[in-house]
């Protein structure tokens, strides 16, 4: 693939949605697993933030490979964020010691 200057509009749109799919895929998988495990509101937050990150990855990645790397990175970041929030909730500094 070249720099994309000679692509038709249909090809550019197809490429954009392809990058969006691989950018949102890991976050979608993480959200579906969270829903299956019974974490309702947490799963919805993962899906919504993953959707926003998927649009960001699709619009900023130049190639599909970059979108794959960005999608995996966003899935890892969302998982780490949930672990961090869970740790702060269980280790409250203001509750009874």
C-alpha atoms as a PDB file:
ATOM      1  CA  UNK A   1       0.000   0.000   0.000  1.00  0.00           C
ATOM      2  CA  UNK A   2       1.248   3.448  -0.876  1.00  0.00           C
ATOM      3  CA  UNK A   3       0.621   6.668   0.977  1.00  0.00           C
ATOM      4  CA  UNK A   4      -3.126   6.620   0.265  1.00  0.00           C
ATOM      5  CA  UNK A   5      -3.274   9.515  -2.181  1.00  0.00           C
ATOM      6  CA  UNK A   6      -4.585   7.375  -5.026  1.00  0.00           C
ATOM      7  CA  UNK A   7      -7.230   5.564  -2.972  1.00  0.00           C
ATOM      8  CA  UNK A   8     -10.861   6.118  -3.828  1.00  0.00           C
ATOM      9  CA  UNK A   9     -13.272   7.364  -1.205  1.00  0.00           C
ATOM     10  CA  UNK A  10     -14.722   3.871  -0.765  1.00  0.00           C
ATOM     11  CA  UNK A  11     -11.260   2.401  -0.196  1.00  0.00           C
ATOM     12  CA  UNK A  12     -10.416   5.090   2.375  1.00  0.00           C
ATOM     13  CA  UNK A  13     -13.658   4.467   4.266  1.00  0.00           C
ATOM     14  CA  UNK A  14     -13.086   0.708   4.190  1.00  0.00           C
ATOM     15  CA  UNK A  15      -9.548   1.174   5.473  1.00  0.00           C
ATOM     16  CA  UNK A  16     -10.766   3.485   8.247  1.00  0.00           C
ATOM     17  CA  UNK A  17     -13.373   0.975   9.479  1.00  0.00           C
ATOM     18  CA  UNK A  18     -10.839  -1.815   9.238  1.00  0.00           C
ATOM     19  CA  UNK A  19      -8.461   0.172  11.464  1.00  0.00           C
ATOM     20  CA  UNK A  20     -11.359   0.917  13.816  1.00  0.00           C
ATOM     21  CA  UNK A  21     -12.253  -2.769  14.060  1.00  0.00           C
ATOM     22  CA  UNK A  22      -8.745  -3.855  14.993  1.00  0.00           C
ATOM     23  CA  UNK A  23      -8.353  -0.846  17.293  1.00  0.00           C
ATOM     24  CA  UNK A  24     -11.590  -1.561  19.171  1.00  0.00           C
ATOM     25  CA  UNK A  25     -11.370  -5.362  19.135  1.00  0.00           C
ATOM     26  CA  UNK A  26      -9.253  -5.903  22.278  1.00  0.00           C
ATOM     27  CA  UNK A  27     -11.349  -3.444  24.300  1.00  0.00           C
ATOM     28  CA  UNK A  28     -14.531  -5.082  23.038  1.00  0.00           C
ATOM     29  CA  UNK A  29     -13.208  -8.478  24.071  1.00  0.00           C
ATOM     30  CA  UNK A  30     -12.287  -7.161  27.522  1.00  0.00           C
ATOM     31  CA  UNK A  31     -15.741  -5.586  27.930  1.00  0.00           C
ATOM     32  CA  UNK A  32     -17.562  -8.746  26.843  1.00  0.00           C
ATOM     33  CA  UNK A  33     -15.506 -10.838  29.272  1.00  0.00           C
ATOM     34  CA  UNK A  34     -16.307  -8.369  32.061  1.00  0.00           C
ATOM     35  CA  UNK A  35     -20.009  -8.582  31.178  1.00  0.00           C
ATOM     36  CA  UNK A  36     -19.851 -12.381  31.217  1.00  0.00           C
ATOM     37  CA  UNK A  37     -18.255 -12.298  34.665  1.00  0.00           C
ATOM     38  CA  UNK A  38     -21.012 -10.066  36.037  1.00  0.00           C
ATOM     39  CA  UNK A  39     -19.287  -6.696  36.228  1.00  0.00           C
ATOM     40  CA  UNK A  40     -22.137  -4.650  34.746  1.00  0.00           C
ATOM     41  CA  UNK A  41     -21.235  -0.982  35.114  1.00  0.00           C
ATOM     42  CA  UNK A  42     -17.504  -1.677  34.900  1.00  0.00           C
ATOM     43  CA  UNK A  43     -18.039  -3.499  31.605  1.00  0.00           C
ATOM     44  CA  UNK A  44     -20.052  -0.591  30.217  1.00  0.00           C
ATOM     45  CA  UNK A  45     -17.291   1.845  31.182  1.00  0.00           C
ATOM     46  CA  UNK A  46     -14.721  -0.388  29.473  1.00  0.00           C
ATOM     47  CA  UNK A  47     -16.882  -0.583  26.344  1.00  0.00           C
ATOM     48  CA  UNK A  48     -17.481   3.187  26.191  1.00  0.00           C
ATOM     49  CA  UNK A  49     -13.856   4.167  26.843  1.00  0.00           C
ATOM     50  CA  UNK A  50     -12.753   1.456  24.440  1.00  0.00           C
ATOM     51  CA  UNK A  51     -15.065   2.890  21.792  1.00  0.00           C
ATOM     52  CA  UNK A  52     -13.545   6.336  22.214  1.00  0.00           C
ATOM     53  CA  UNK A  53     -10.036   4.907  22.134  1.00  0.00           C
ATOM     54  CA  UNK A  54     -10.983   2.862  19.061  1.00  0.00           C
ATOM     55  CA  UNK A  55     -11.991   6.012  17.184  1.00  0.00           C
ATOM     56  CA  UNK A  56      -8.772   7.688  18.319  1.00  0.00           C
ATOM     57  CA  UNK A  57      -6.644   4.763  17.153  1.00  0.00           C
ATOM     58  CA  UNK A  58      -8.466   4.514  13.821  1.00  0.00           C
ATOM     59  CA  UNK A  59      -8.022   8.191  13.063  1.00  0.00           C
ATOM     60  CA  UNK A  60      -4.390   8.452  14.167  1.00  0.00           C
ATOM     61  CA  UNK A  61      -2.898   5.175  12.887  1.00  0.00           C
ATOM     62  CA  UNK A  62      -1.385   5.308   9.434  1.00  0.00           C
ATOM     63  CA  UNK A  63      -1.465   1.567   8.758  1.00  0.00           C
ATOM     64  CA  UNK A  64      -3.530  -1.356   9.975  1.00  0.00           C
ATOM     65  CA  UNK A  65      -0.508  -2.715  11.817  1.00  0.00           C
ATOM     66  CA  UNK A  66      -0.317   0.503  13.833  1.00  0.00           C
ATOM     67  CA  UNK A  67      -4.004   0.200  14.646  1.00  0.00           C
ATOM     68  CA  UNK A  68      -3.466  -3.367  15.868  1.00  0.00           C
ATOM     69  CA  UNK A  69      -0.670  -2.209  18.163  1.00  0.00           C
ATOM     70  CA  UNK A  70      -2.777   0.729  19.360  1.00  0.00           C
ATOM     71  CA  UNK A  71      -5.770  -1.524  19.995  1.00  0.00           C
ATOM     72  CA  UNK A  72      -3.744  -3.966  22.062  1.00  0.00           C
ATOM     73  CA  UNK A  73      -2.183  -1.083  23.985  1.00  0.00           C
ATOM     74  CA  UNK A  74      -5.593   0.468  24.702  1.00  0.00           C
ATOM     75  CA  UNK A  75      -6.921  -2.890  25.932  1.00  0.00           C
ATOM     76  CA  UNK A  76      -3.952  -3.255  28.277  1.00  0.00           C
ATOM     77  CA  UNK A  77      -4.374   0.317  29.508  1.00  0.00           C
ATOM     78  CA  UNK A  78      -8.080  -0.202  30.210  1.00  0.00           C
ATOM     79  CA  UNK A  79      -7.346  -3.438  32.100  1.00  0.00           C
ATOM     80  CA  UNK A  80      -4.612  -1.746  34.159  1.00  0.00           C
ATOM     81  CA  UNK A  81      -6.955   1.158  34.912  1.00  0.00           C
ATOM     82  CA  UNK A  82      -9.584  -1.234  36.238  1.00  0.00           C
ATOM     83  CA  UNK A  83      -6.988  -2.970  38.415  1.00  0.00           C
ATOM     84  CA  UNK A  84      -5.821   0.385  39.772  1.00  0.00           C
ATOM     85  CA  UNK A  85      -9.363   1.518  40.561  1.00  0.00           C
ATOM     86  CA  UNK A  86     -10.133  -1.805  42.248  1.00  0.00           C
ATOM     87  CA  UNK A  87      -7.000  -1.497  44.365  1.00  0.00           C
ATOM     88  CA  UNK A  88      -7.921   2.027  45.478  1.00  0.00           C
ATOM     89  CA  UNK A  89     -11.448   0.913  46.356  1.00  0.00           C
ATOM     90  CA  UNK A  90     -10.253  -2.026  48.472  1.00  0.00           C
ATOM     91  CA  UNK A  91      -7.403  -0.094  50.144  1.00  0.00           C
ATOM     92  CA  UNK A  92      -9.239   2.997  51.305  1.00  0.00           C
ATOM     93  CA  UNK A  93      -7.248   5.402  53.455  1.00  0.00           C
ATOM     94  CA  UNK A  94     -10.332   7.026  54.946  1.00  0.00           C
ATOM     95  CA  UNK A  95     -12.169   3.971  56.242  1.00  0.00           C
ATOM     96  CA  UNK A  96     -11.686   2.162  59.528  1.00  0.00           C
ATOM     97  CA  UNK A  97      -8.190   0.800  59.892  1.00  0.00           C
END
